[in-house]
Amino acid sequence: MKLRYTRTALRQIDSTLDYIASRSPQGARSVNKRIITAFALIQEYPQAGQMTSRDGYRRLVLTPYPYVIFYRVTADEIVISRFRHAAQRPASS
């Protein structure tokens, strides 16, 4: 199944990796590898993430890192909608 990323999600991932890289380039590489692995998991097993209270949305925690990927599955694609630190308050809708 095809993965699609919202601009918001891409911006959030980029800013997170930039922030980590400014403190630890190796740490940023490790988190980036985990993000890529998580995307591959979601692509192969779209139902892998936990359902959220928002209808149709799932979340996947990037264990052992404190980051969460939010996505939804449609008939023909998986849309990565948000990426945030687990300690951040959820965005209000």
PDB file of N, CA and C in Angstrom:
ATOM      1  N   MET A   1       0.840  -1.174   0.000  1.00  0.00           N
ATOM      2  CA  MET A   1       0.000   0.000   0.000  1.00  0.00           C
ATOM      3  C   MET A   1       0.895   1.250   0.000  1.00  0.00           C
ATOM      4  N   LYS A   2       0.453   2.262  -0.692  1.00  0.00           N
ATOM      5  CA  LYS A   2       1.217   3.505  -0.848  1.00  0.00           C
ATOM      6  C   LYS A   2       1.175   4.354   0.433  1.00  0.00           C
ATOM      7  N   LEU A   3       2.327   4.944   0.778  1.00  0.00           N
ATOM      8  CA  LEU A   3       2.406   5.895   1.892  1.00  0.00           C
ATOM      9  C   LEU A   3       2.376   7.307   1.331  1.00  0.00           C
ATOM     10  N   ARG A   4       1.617   8.166   1.998  1.00  0.00           N
ATOM     11  CA  ARG A   4       1.605   9.591   1.653  1.00  0.00           C
ATOM     12  C   ARG A   4       1.811  10.370   2.945  1.00  0.00           C
ATOM     13  N   TYR A   5       2.546  11.454   2.868  1.00  0.00           N
ATOM     14  CA  TYR A   5       2.880  12.255   4.043  1.00  0.00           C
ATOM     15  C   TYR A   5       2.284  13.649   3.890  1.00  0.00           C
ATOM     16  N   THR A   6       1.641  14.141   4.934  1.00  0.00           N
ATOM     17  CA  THR A   6       1.157  15.518   4.882  1.00  0.00           C
ATOM     18  C   THR A   6       2.346  16.457   5.063  1.00  0.00           C
ATOM     19  N   ARG A   7       2.178  17.690   4.623  1.00  0.00           N
ATOM     20  CA  ARG A   7       3.243  18.681   4.814  1.00  0.00           C
ATOM     21  C   ARG A   7       3.538  18.876   6.293  1.00  0.00           C
ATOM     22  N   THR A   8       2.481  18.847   7.098  1.00  0.00           N
ATOM     23  CA  THR A   8       2.656  18.997   8.548  1.00  0.00           C
ATOM     24  C   THR A   8       3.541  17.898   9.102  1.00  0.00           C
ATOM     25  N   ALA A   9       3.264  16.652   8.730  1.00  0.00           N
ATOM     26  CA  ALA A   9       4.062  15.524   9.221  1.00  0.00           C
ATOM     27  C   ALA A   9       5.520  15.651   8.789  1.00  0.00           C
ATOM     28  N   LEU A  10       5.746  15.988   7.523  1.00  0.00           N
ATOM     29  CA  LEU A  10       7.125  16.142   7.041  1.00  0.00           C
ATOM     30  C   LEU A  10       7.848  17.259   7.777  1.00  0.00           C
ATOM     31  N   ARG A  11       7.157  18.366   8.002  1.00  0.00           N
ATOM     32  CA  ARG A  11       7.759  19.482   8.738  1.00  0.00           C
ATOM     33  C   ARG A  11       8.092  19.067  10.178  1.00  0.00           C
ATOM     34  N   GLN A  12       7.195  18.328  10.815  1.00  0.00           N
ATOM     35  CA  GLN A  12       7.421  17.895  12.186  1.00  0.00           C
ATOM     36  C   GLN A  12       8.590  16.915  12.275  1.00  0.00           C
ATOM     37  N   ILE A  13       8.680  16.008  11.335  1.00  0.00           N
ATOM     38  CA  ILE A  13       9.801  15.061  11.322  1.00  0.00           C
ATOM     39  C   ILE A  13      11.112  15.807  11.101  1.00  0.00           C
ATOM     40  N   ASP A  14      11.133  16.701  10.114  1.00  0.00           N
ATOM     41  CA  ASP A  14      12.358  17.464   9.831  1.00  0.00           C
ATOM     42  C   ASP A  14      12.800  18.287  11.031  1.00  0.00           C
ATOM     43  N   SER A  15      11.871  18.968  11.667  1.00  0.00           N
ATOM     44  CA  SER A  15      12.262  19.818  12.801  1.00  0.00           C
ATOM     45  C   SER A  15      12.738  18.977  13.979  1.00  0.00           C
ATOM     46  N   THR A  16      12.130  17.814  14.176  1.00  0.00           N
ATOM     47  CA  THR A  16      12.568  16.916  15.248  1.00  0.00           C
ATOM     48  C   THR A  16      13.982  16.417  14.986  1.00  0.00           C
ATOM     49  N   LEU A  17      14.236  15.963  13.766  1.00  0.00           N
ATOM     50  CA  LEU A  17      15.567  15.456  13.440  1.00  0.00           C
ATOM     51  C   LEU A  17      16.614  16.566  13.492  1.00  0.00           C
ATOM     52  N   ASP A  18      16.256  17.775  13.063  1.00  0.00           N
ATOM     53  CA  ASP A  18      17.181  18.913  13.153  1.00  0.00           C
ATOM     54  C   ASP A  18      17.521  19.218  14.607  1.00  0.00           C
ATOM     55  N   TYR A  19      16.508  19.201  15.454  1.00  0.00           N
ATOM     56  CA  TYR A  19      16.714  19.474  16.875  1.00  0.00           C
ATOM     57  C   TYR A  19      17.650  18.429  17.493  1.00  0.00           C
ATOM     58  N   ILE A  20      17.378  17.156  17.218  1.00  0.00           N
ATOM     59  CA  ILE A  20      18.219  16.089  17.774  1.00  0.00           C
ATOM     60  C   ILE A  20      19.637  16.185  17.212  1.00  0.00           C
ATOM     61  N   ALA A  21      19.765  16.446  15.910  1.00  0.00           N
ATOM     62  CA  ALA A  21      21.086  16.521  15.271  1.00  0.00           C
ATOM     63  C   ALA A  21      21.936  17.646  15.840  1.00  0.00           C
ATOM     64  N   SER A  22      21.298  18.727  16.264  1.00  0.00           N
ATOM     65  CA  SER A  22      22.071  19.832  16.826  1.00  0.00           C
ATOM     66  C   SER A  22      22.719  19.449  18.153  1.00  0.00           C
ATOM     67  N   ARG A  23      22.204  18.420  18.779  1.00  0.00           N
ATOM     68  CA  ARG A  23      22.747  17.954  20.055  1.00  0.00           C
ATOM     69  C   ARG A  23      23.518  16.640  19.920  1.00  0.00           C
ATOM     70  N   SER A  24      23.060  15.803  18.963  1.00  0.00           N
ATOM     71  CA  SER A  24      23.691  14.500  18.774  1.00  0.00           C
ATOM     72  C   SER A  24      23.428  13.996  17.349  1.00  0.00           C
ATOM     73  N   PRO A  25      24.378  14.192  16.446  1.00  0.00           N
ATOM     74  CA  PRO A  25      24.190  13.686  15.087  1.00  0.00           C
ATOM     75  C   PRO A  25      23.922  12.183  15.043  1.00  0.00           C
ATOM     76  N   GLN A  26      24.612  11.430  15.873  1.00  0.00           N
ATOM     77  CA  GLN A  26      24.390   9.979  15.911  1.00  0.00           C
ATOM     78  C   GLN A  26      22.976   9.678  16.414  1.00  0.00           C
ATOM     79  N   GLY A  27      22.515  10.434  17.394  1.00  0.00           N
ATOM     80  CA  GLY A  27      21.153  10.249  17.894  1.00  0.00           C
ATOM     81  C   GLY A  27      20.121  10.505  16.810  1.00  0.00           C
ATOM     82  N   ALA A  28      20.337  11.537  16.014  1.00  0.00           N
ATOM     83  CA  ALA A  28      19.419  11.851  14.919  1.00  0.00           C
ATOM     84  C   ALA A  28      19.403  10.729  13.888  1.00  0.00           C
ATOM     85  N   ARG A  29      20.569  10.160  13.593  1.00  0.00           N
ATOM     86  CA  ARG A  29      20.620   9.038  12.650  1.00  0.00           C
ATOM     87  C   ARG A  29      19.855   7.836  13.194  1.00  0.00           C
ATOM     88  N   SER A  30      19.984   7.581  14.497  1.00  0.00           N
ATOM     89  CA  SER A  30      19.277   6.453  15.112  1.00  0.00           C
ATOM     90  C   SER A  30      17.763   6.647  15.074  1.00  0.00           C
ATOM     91  N   VAL A  31      17.321   7.848  15.394  1.00  0.00           N
ATOM     92  CA  VAL A  31      15.881   8.131  15.364  1.00  0.00           C
ATOM     93  C   VAL A  31      15.373   8.042  13.924  1.00  0.00           C
ATOM     94  N   ASN A  32      16.129   8.567  12.984  1.00  0.00           N
ATOM     95  CA  ASN A  32      15.725   8.504  11.578  1.00  0.00           C
ATOM     96  C   ASN A  32      15.582   7.049  11.112  1.00  0.00           C
ATOM     97  N   LYS A  33      16.516   6.194  11.500  1.00  0.00           N
ATOM     98  CA  LYS A  33      16.423   4.771  11.133  1.00  0.00           C
ATOM     99  C   LYS A  33      15.163   4.151  11.720  1.00  0.00           C
ATOM    100  N   ARG A  34      14.846   4.533  12.950  1.00  0.00           N
ATOM    101  CA  ARG A  34      13.644   3.988  13.585  1.00  0.00           C
ATOM    102  C   ARG A  34      12.373   4.485  12.893  1.00  0.00           C
ATOM    103  N   ILE A  35      12.379   5.731  12.459  1.00  0.00           N
ATOM    104  CA  ILE A  35      11.231   6.278  11.722  1.00  0.00           C
ATOM    105  C   ILE A  35      11.038   5.494  10.419  1.00  0.00           C
ATOM    106  N   ILE A  36      12.114   5.255   9.698  1.00  0.00           N
ATOM    107  CA  ILE A  36      12.040   4.507   8.438  1.00  0.00           C
ATOM    108  C   ILE A  36      11.510   3.096   8.687  1.00  0.00           C
ATOM    109  N   THR A  37      11.984   2.457   9.751  1.00  0.00           N
ATOM    110  CA  THR A  37      11.517   1.120  10.110  1.00  0.00           C
ATOM    111  C   THR A  37      10.029   1.137  10.447  1.00  0.00           C
ATOM    112  N   ALA A  38       9.595   2.157  11.172  1.00  0.00           N
ATOM    113  CA  ALA A  38       8.182   2.276  11.542  1.00  0.00           C
ATOM    114  C   ALA A  38       7.310   2.470  10.304  1.00  0.00           C
ATOM    115  N   PHE A  39       7.765   3.287   9.364  1.00  0.00           N
ATOM    116  CA  PHE A  39       7.004   3.493   8.130  1.00  0.00           C
ATOM    117  C   PHE A  39       6.889   2.183   7.342  1.00  0.00           C
ATOM    118  N   ALA A  40       7.951   1.400   7.315  1.00  0.00           N
ATOM    119  CA  ALA A  40       7.909   0.105   6.624  1.00  0.00           C
ATOM    120  C   ALA A  40       6.918  -0.832   7.312  1.00  0.00           C
ATOM    121  N   LEU A  41       6.891  -0.809   8.639  1.00  0.00           N
ATOM    122  CA  LEU A  41       5.945  -1.636   9.392  1.00  0.00           C
ATOM    123  C   LEU A  41       4.511  -1.223   9.080  1.00  0.00           C
ATOM    124  N   ILE A  42       4.248   0.075   9.110  1.00  0.00           N
ATOM    125  CA  ILE A  42       2.906   0.582   8.818  1.00  0.00           C
ATOM    126  C   ILE A  42       2.495   0.214   7.397  1.00  0.00           C
ATOM    127  N   GLN A  43       3.429   0.314   6.486  1.00  0.00           N
ATOM    128  CA  GLN A  43       3.117   0.007   5.088  1.00  0.00           C
ATOM    129  C   GLN A  43       2.767  -1.474   4.919  1.00  0.00           C
ATOM    130  N   GLU A  44       3.479  -2.336   5.617  1.00  0.00           N
ATOM    131  CA  GLU A  44       3.207  -3.766   5.500  1.00  0.00           C
ATOM    132  C   GLU A  44       2.013  -4.203   6.347  1.00  0.00           C
ATOM    133  N   TYR A  45       1.864  -3.591   7.514  1.00  0.00           N
ATOM    134  CA  TYR A  45       0.781  -3.936   8.437  1.00  0.00           C
ATOM    135  C   TYR A  45       0.044  -2.658   8.842  1.00  0.00           C
ATOM    136  N   PRO A  46      -0.849  -2.169   8.001  1.00  0.00           N
ATOM    137  CA  PRO A  46      -1.517  -0.886   8.256  1.00  0.00           C
ATOM    138  C   PRO A  46      -2.271  -0.826   9.587  1.00  0.00           C
ATOM    139  N   GLN A  47      -2.697  -1.950  10.098  1.00  0.00           N
ATOM    140  CA  GLN A  47      -3.456  -1.962  11.352  1.00  0.00           C
ATOM    141  C   GLN A  47      -2.545  -2.087  12.580  1.00  0.00           C
ATOM    142  N   ALA A  48      -1.244  -1.972  12.406  1.00  0.00           N
ATOM    143  CA  ALA A  48      -0.287  -2.156  13.502  1.00  0.00           C
ATOM    144  C   ALA A  48      -0.441  -1.114  14.603  1.00  0.00           C
ATOM    145  N   GLY A  49      -0.823   0.094  14.234  1.00  0.00           N
ATOM    146  CA  GLY A  49      -0.946   1.157  15.223  1.00  0.00           C
ATOM    147  C   GLY A  49      -2.222   1.040  16.035  1.00  0.00           C
ATOM    148  N   GLN A  50      -2.175   1.635  17.207  1.00  0.00           N
ATOM    149  CA  GLN A  50      -3.328   1.640  18.107  1.00  0.00           C
ATOM    150  C   GLN A  50      -4.357   2.658  17.624  1.00  0.00           C
ATOM    151  N   MET A  51      -5.640   2.298  17.688  1.00  0.00           N
ATOM    152  CA  MET A  51      -6.706   3.233  17.332  1.00  0.00           C
ATOM    153  C   MET A  51      -6.692   4.409  18.306  1.00  0.00           C
ATOM    154  N   THR A  52      -7.032   5.587  17.797  1.00  0.00           N
ATOM    155  CA  THR A  52      -7.123   6.772  18.649  1.00  0.00           C
ATOM    156  C   THR A  52      -8.591   7.142  18.826  1.00  0.00           C
ATOM    157  N   SER A  53      -8.839   8.166  19.620  1.00  0.00           N
ATOM    158  CA  SER A  53     -10.215   8.618  19.808  1.00  0.00           C
ATOM    159  C   SER A  53     -10.725   9.367  18.575  1.00  0.00           C
ATOM    160  N   ARG A  54      -9.823   9.754  17.714  1.00  0.00           N
ATOM    161  CA  ARG A  54     -10.201  10.425  16.466  1.00  0.00           C
ATOM    162  C   ARG A  54     -10.524   9.366  15.419  1.00  0.00           C
ATOM    163  N   ASP A  55     -11.741   9.377  14.941  1.00  0.00           N
ATOM    164  CA  ASP A  55     -12.246   8.350  14.041  1.00  0.00           C
ATOM    165  C   ASP A  55     -11.329   8.124  12.836  1.00  0.00           C
ATOM    166  N   GLY A  56     -10.908   6.868  12.661  1.00  0.00           N
ATOM    167  CA  GLY A  56     -10.103   6.491  11.508  1.00  0.00           C
ATOM    168  C   GLY A  56      -8.609   6.688  11.667  1.00  0.00           C
ATOM    169  N   TYR A  57      -8.177   7.247  12.782  1.00  0.00           N
ATOM    170  CA  TYR A  57      -6.758   7.506  12.981  1.00  0.00           C
ATOM    171  C   TYR A  57      -6.133   6.487  13.917  1.00  0.00           C
ATOM    172  N   ARG A  58      -4.887   6.195  13.625  1.00  0.00           N
ATOM    173  CA  ARG A  58      -4.095   5.275  14.450  1.00  0.00           C
ATOM    174  C   ARG A  58      -2.817   5.977  14.876  1.00  0.00           C
ATOM    175  N   ARG A  59      -2.183   5.415  15.899  1.00  0.00           N
ATOM    176  CA  ARG A  59      -0.895   5.947  16.332  1.00  0.00           C
ATOM    177  C   ARG A  59       0.067   4.807  16.582  1.00  0.00           C
ATOM    178  N   LEU A  60       1.323   5.092  16.305  1.00  0.00           N
ATOM    179  CA  LEU A  60       2.378   4.113  16.518  1.00  0.00           C
ATOM    180  C   LEU A  60       3.501   4.819  17.261  1.00  0.00           C
ATOM    181  N   VAL A  61       3.885   4.266  18.411  1.00  0.00           N
ATOM    182  CA  VAL A  61       4.959   4.836  19.221  1.00  0.00           C
ATOM    183  C   VAL A  61       6.288   4.272  18.722  1.00  0.00           C
ATOM    184  N   LEU A  62       7.289   5.153  18.600  1.00  0.00           N
ATOM    185  CA  LEU A  62       8.608   4.751  18.090  1.00  0.00           C
ATOM    186  C   LEU A  62       9.508   4.226  19.206  1.00  0.00           C
ATOM    187  N   THR A  63       9.069   3.235  19.883  1.00  0.00           N
ATOM    188  CA  THR A  63       9.857   2.631  20.954  1.00  0.00           C
ATOM    189  C   THR A  63      11.248   2.282  20.436  1.00  0.00           C
ATOM    190  N   PRO A  64      12.314   2.603  21.120  1.00  0.00           N
ATOM    191  CA  PRO A  64      12.430   3.123  22.473  1.00  0.00           C
ATOM    192  C   PRO A  64      12.426   4.654  22.559  1.00  0.00           C
ATOM    193  N   TYR A  65      12.157   5.307  21.453  1.00  0.00           N
ATOM    194  CA  TYR A  65      12.170   6.777  21.444  1.00  0.00           C
ATOM    195  C   TYR A  65      10.786   7.321  21.778  1.00  0.00           C
ATOM    196  N   PRO A  66      10.719   8.501  22.365  1.00  0.00           N
ATOM    197  CA  PRO A  66       9.425   9.045  22.807  1.00  0.00           C
ATOM    198  C   PRO A  66       8.697   9.841  21.722  1.00  0.00           C
ATOM    199  N   TYR A  67       8.569   9.252  20.555  1.00  0.00           N
ATOM    200  CA  TYR A  67       7.888   9.931  19.455  1.00  0.00           C
ATOM    201  C   TYR A  67       6.722   9.087  18.972  1.00  0.00           C
ATOM    202  N   VAL A  68       5.711   9.767  18.449  1.00  0.00           N
ATOM    203  CA  VAL A  68       4.486   9.095  18.016  1.00  0.00           C
ATOM    204  C   VAL A  68       4.158   9.507  16.588  1.00  0.00           C
ATOM    205  N   ILE A  69       3.804   8.527  15.767  1.00  0.00           N
ATOM    206  CA  ILE A  69       3.348   8.755  14.402  1.00  0.00           C
ATOM    207  C   ILE A  69       1.829   8.586  14.397  1.00  0.00           C
ATOM    208  N   PHE A  70       1.134   9.553  13.825  1.00  0.00           N
ATOM    209  CA  PHE A  70      -0.320   9.466  13.669  1.00  0.00           C
ATOM    210  C   PHE A  70      -0.613   9.288  12.183  1.00  0.00           C
ATOM    211  N   TYR A  71      -1.498   8.357  11.882  1.00  0.00           N
ATOM    212  CA  TYR A  71      -1.810   8.082  10.481  1.00  0.00           C
ATOM    213  C   TYR A  71      -3.225   7.546  10.341  1.00  0.00           C
ATOM    214  N   ARG A  72      -3.702   7.551   9.096  1.00  0.00           N
ATOM    215  CA  ARG A  72      -5.001   6.943   8.798  1.00  0.00           C
ATOM    216  C   ARG A  72      -4.851   6.098   7.547  1.00  0.00           C
ATOM    217  N   VAL A  73      -5.671   5.081   7.492  1.00  0.00           N
ATOM    218  CA  VAL A  73      -5.635   4.141   6.379  1.00  0.00           C
ATOM    219  C   VAL A  73      -6.884   4.365   5.533  1.00  0.00           C
ATOM    220  N   THR A  74      -6.684   4.581   4.239  1.00  0.00           N
ATOM    221  CA  THR A  74      -7.808   4.700   3.303  1.00  0.00           C
ATOM    222  C   THR A  74      -7.828   3.444   2.437  1.00  0.00           C
ATOM    223  N   ALA A  75      -8.714   3.420   1.475  1.00  0.00           N
ATOM    224  CA  ALA A  75      -8.829   2.246   0.599  1.00  0.00           C
ATOM    225  C   ALA A  75      -7.564   1.987  -0.207  1.00  0.00           C
ATOM    226  N   ASP A  76      -6.840   3.058  -0.575  1.00  0.00           N
ATOM    227  CA  ASP A  76      -5.684   2.858  -1.451  1.00  0.00           C
ATOM    228  C   ASP A  76      -4.369   3.446  -0.956  1.00  0.00           C
ATOM    229  N   GLU A  77      -4.385   4.051   0.244  1.00  0.00           N
ATOM    230  CA  GLU A  77      -3.129   4.608   0.755  1.00  0.00           C
ATOM    231  C   GLU A  77      -3.155   4.755   2.272  1.00  0.00           C
ATOM    232  N   ILE A  78      -1.975   4.983   2.810  1.00  0.00           N
ATOM    233  CA  ILE A  78      -1.813   5.275   4.226  1.00  0.00           C
ATOM    234  C   ILE A  78      -1.299   6.705   4.296  1.00  0.00           C
ATOM    235  N   VAL A  79      -1.991   7.539   5.043  1.00  0.00           N
ATOM    236  CA  VAL A  79      -1.631   8.951   5.135  1.00  0.00           C
ATOM    237  C   VAL A  79      -1.000   9.211   6.496  1.00  0.00           C
ATOM    238  N   ILE A  80       0.290   9.562   6.480  1.00  0.00           N
ATOM    239  CA  ILE A  80       0.994   9.951   7.702  1.00  0.00           C
ATOM    240  C   ILE A  80       0.619  11.403   7.948  1.00  0.00           C
ATOM    241  N   SER A  81      -0.111  11.667   9.037  1.00  0.00           N
ATOM    242  CA  SER A  81      -0.653  13.007   9.239  1.00  0.00           C
ATOM    243  C   SER A  81       0.116  13.856  10.236  1.00  0.00           C
ATOM    244  N   ARG A  82       0.678  13.238  11.270  1.00  0.00           N
ATOM    245  CA  ARG A  82       1.389  14.010  12.287  1.00  0.00           C
ATOM    246  C   ARG A  82       2.516  13.188  12.878  1.00  0.00           C
ATOM    247  N   PHE A  83       3.464  13.893  13.469  1.00  0.00           N
ATOM    248  CA  PHE A  83       4.591  13.281  14.162  1.00  0.00           C
ATOM    249  C   PHE A  83       4.923  14.198  15.322  1.00  0.00           C
ATOM    250  N   ARG A  84       4.968  13.662  16.534  1.00  0.00           N
ATOM    251  CA  ARG A  84       5.271  14.524  17.664  1.00  0.00           C
ATOM    252  C   ARG A  84       5.915  13.746  18.796  1.00  0.00           C
ATOM    253  N   HIS A  85       6.514  14.496  19.709  1.00  0.00           N
ATOM    254  CA  HIS A  85       7.064  13.928  20.937  1.00  0.00           C
ATOM    255  C   HIS A  85       5.897  13.493  21.799  1.00  0.00           C
ATOM    256  N   ALA A  86       6.023  12.365  22.463  1.00  0.00           N
ATOM    257  CA  ALA A  86       4.928  11.824  23.259  1.00  0.00           C
ATOM    258  C   ALA A  86       4.527  12.743  24.415  1.00  0.00           C
ATOM    259  N   ALA A  87       5.438  13.596  24.882  1.00  0.00           N
ATOM    260  CA  ALA A  87       5.119  14.489  25.986  1.00  0.00           C
ATOM    261  C   ALA A  87       4.390  15.757  25.540  1.00  0.00           C
ATOM    262  N   GLN A  88       4.340  16.002  24.229  1.00  0.00           N
ATOM    263  CA  GLN A  88       3.635  17.180  23.736  1.00  0.00           C
ATOM    264  C   GLN A  88       2.149  16.978  23.852  1.00  0.00           C
ATOM    265  N   ARG A  89       1.458  18.075  24.139  1.00  0.00           N
ATOM    266  CA  ARG A  89       0.002  18.013  24.192  1.00  0.00           C
ATOM    267  C   ARG A  89      -0.520  17.834  22.775  1.00  0.00           C
ATOM    268  N   PRO A  90      -1.563  17.025  22.623  1.00  0.00           N
ATOM    269  CA  PRO A  90      -2.145  16.844  21.286  1.00  0.00           C
ATOM    270  C   PRO A  90      -2.688  18.170  20.750  1.00  0.00           C
ATOM    271  N   ALA A  91      -2.617  18.329  19.454  1.00  0.00           N
ATOM    272  CA  ALA A  91      -3.164  19.523  18.819  1.00  0.00           C
ATOM    273  C   ALA A  91      -4.679  19.473  18.922  1.00  0.00           C
ATOM    274  N   SER A  92      -5.276  20.597  19.202  1.00  0.00           N
ATOM    275  CA  SER A  92      -6.737  20.617  19.262  1.00  0.00           C
ATOM    276  C   SER A  92      -7.290  20.689  17.854  1.00  0.00           C
ATOM    277  N   SER A  93      -8.407  20.027  17.643  1.00  0.00           N
ATOM    278  CA  SER A  93      -9.005  20.000  16.303  1.00  0.00           C
ATOM    279  C   SER A  93     -10.229  20.869  16.247  1.00  0.00           C
TER     280      SER A  93
END
